[in-house]
């Protein structure tokens, strides 16, 4: 069974195909058979992440302040966990869904 990975990377999509040789291909949510709602939710989640990139100094990437970072990253990761489980559910039997941050139940 092929593997799909949900993983955030700046300037890339958040949905990856894991190749047989272990390599990754950035495929995006539009290239897998999932509901339009899930595609849209993954795309929104990824846009929020992309908006945190500080292109002038990437190590400073994040939300606007330390307190915002603490609160918003927690909510952001809760949303990621939900998206991971929805992706697993919709792709059950078609792909093995993985993530370095989120685990199957």
Protein backbone atom coordinates (compact mmCIF):
# COMPACT_ATOMS: atom_id res chain seq x y z
CA UNK A 1 0.00 0.00 0.00
CA UNK A 2 1.33 3.43 -0.91
CA UNK A 3 2.04 5.94 1.84
CA UNK A 4 0.80 9.52 2.14
CA UNK A 5 2.47 11.79 4.68
CA UNK A 6 0.96 14.91 6.23
CA UNK A 7 3.95 17.17 6.90
CA UNK A 8 4.36 20.92 6.90
CA UNK A 9 7.27 22.50 5.07
CA UNK A 10 7.72 26.13 4.18
CA UNK A 11 7.18 26.87 0.49
CA UNK A 12 5.79 23.35 -0.18
CA UNK A 13 2.45 21.62 0.14
CA UNK A 14 1.57 19.69 3.30
CA UNK A 15 0.67 16.41 1.56
CA UNK A 16 3.46 14.13 0.34
CA UNK A 17 3.65 10.80 -1.45
CA UNK A 18 6.32 8.53 0.03
CA UNK A 19 8.06 6.77 -2.85
CA UNK A 20 9.24 3.15 -2.76
CA UNK A 21 12.86 4.33 -2.41
CA UNK A 22 11.92 6.47 0.63
CA UNK A 23 11.97 9.73 -1.30
CA UNK A 24 9.15 12.23 -0.95
CA UNK A 25 7.05 13.86 -3.67
CA UNK A 26 5.13 17.03 -2.82
CA UNK A 27 1.70 16.22 -4.29
CA UNK A 28 -0.70 18.51 -2.45
CA UNK A 29 -4.21 17.63 -1.30
CA UNK A 30 -5.69 18.24 -4.76
CA UNK A 31 -4.03 15.14 -6.17
CA UNK A 32 -5.56 12.52 -3.89
CA UNK A 33 -9.13 11.27 -3.67
CA UNK A 34 -10.49 13.08 -0.62
CA UNK A 35 -13.57 15.21 -0.07
CA UNK A 36 -13.58 18.81 -1.23
CA UNK A 37 -14.12 19.91 2.38
CA UNK A 38 -11.00 18.08 3.59
CA UNK A 39 -8.95 19.44 0.67
CA UNK A 40 -10.09 22.95 1.52
CA UNK A 41 -9.37 22.52 5.24
CA UNK A 42 -5.85 21.18 4.57
CA UNK A 43 -5.18 24.06 2.18
CA UNK A 44 -6.35 26.63 4.77
CA UNK A 45 -4.22 24.98 7.48
CA UNK A 46 -1.20 25.06 5.18
CA UNK A 47 -1.80 28.73 4.24
CA UNK A 48 -1.76 29.68 7.94
CA UNK A 49 1.54 27.85 8.36
CA UNK A 50 3.04 29.47 5.24
CA UNK A 51 2.03 32.90 6.55
CA UNK A 52 4.29 32.42 9.59
CA UNK A 53 7.48 32.32 7.47
CA UNK A 54 9.83 35.22 8.08
CA UNK A 55 11.63 35.26 4.73
CA UNK A 56 14.16 37.86 5.85
CA UNK A 57 15.28 35.62 8.76
CA UNK A 58 13.60 32.16 8.78
CA UNK A 59 14.66 31.25 12.36
CA UNK A 60 12.33 34.07 13.52
CA UNK A 61 9.33 32.50 11.76
CA UNK A 62 6.17 32.19 13.80
CA UNK A 63 3.20 34.19 14.92
CA UNK A 64 3.43 37.86 15.91
CA UNK A 65 4.62 37.52 19.52
CA UNK A 66 5.81 34.97 22.07
CA UNK A 67 2.39 34.77 23.75
CA UNK A 68 0.64 34.47 20.37
CA UNK A 69 3.09 31.72 19.40
CA UNK A 70 2.30 29.73 22.53
CA UNK A 71 -1.46 29.97 22.18
CA UNK A 72 -1.79 29.78 18.40
CA UNK A 73 0.69 26.94 17.81
CA UNK A 74 -1.27 24.80 20.26
CA UNK A 75 -4.53 25.46 18.40
CA UNK A 76 -2.73 24.99 15.08
CA UNK A 77 -1.44 21.55 16.10
CA UNK A 78 -4.87 20.51 17.37
CA UNK A 79 -6.23 21.31 13.92
CA UNK A 80 -3.38 19.33 12.34
CA UNK A 81 -4.23 16.31 14.49
CA UNK A 82 -7.87 16.53 13.39
CA UNK A 83 -6.88 16.81 9.72
CA UNK A 84 -4.55 13.81 10.07
CA UNK A 85 -7.35 11.63 11.46
CA UNK A 86 -9.80 12.81 8.79
CA UNK A 87 -7.22 12.04 6.10
CA UNK A 88 -6.69 8.57 7.57
CA UNK A 89 -10.42 7.96 7.56
CA UNK A 90 -11.00 9.14 3.99
CA UNK A 91 -7.99 7.26 2.61
CA UNK A 92 -8.53 4.06 4.57
CA UNK A 93 -7.76 1.06 2.34
CA UNK A 94 -6.16 3.26 -0.35
CA UNK A 95 -3.10 4.67 1.40
CA UNK A 96 -1.24 4.29 4.66
CA UNK A 97 -1.30 7.83 6.17
CA UNK A 98 1.65 8.93 8.30
CA UNK A 99 2.97 12.03 10.03
CA UNK A 100 5.95 12.75 12.23
CA UNK A 101 3.73 14.80 14.57
CA UNK A 102 0.45 12.92 14.68
CA UNK A 103 -0.22 9.28 15.45
CA UNK A 104 -3.01 6.89 14.52
CA UNK A 105 -5.53 6.03 17.22
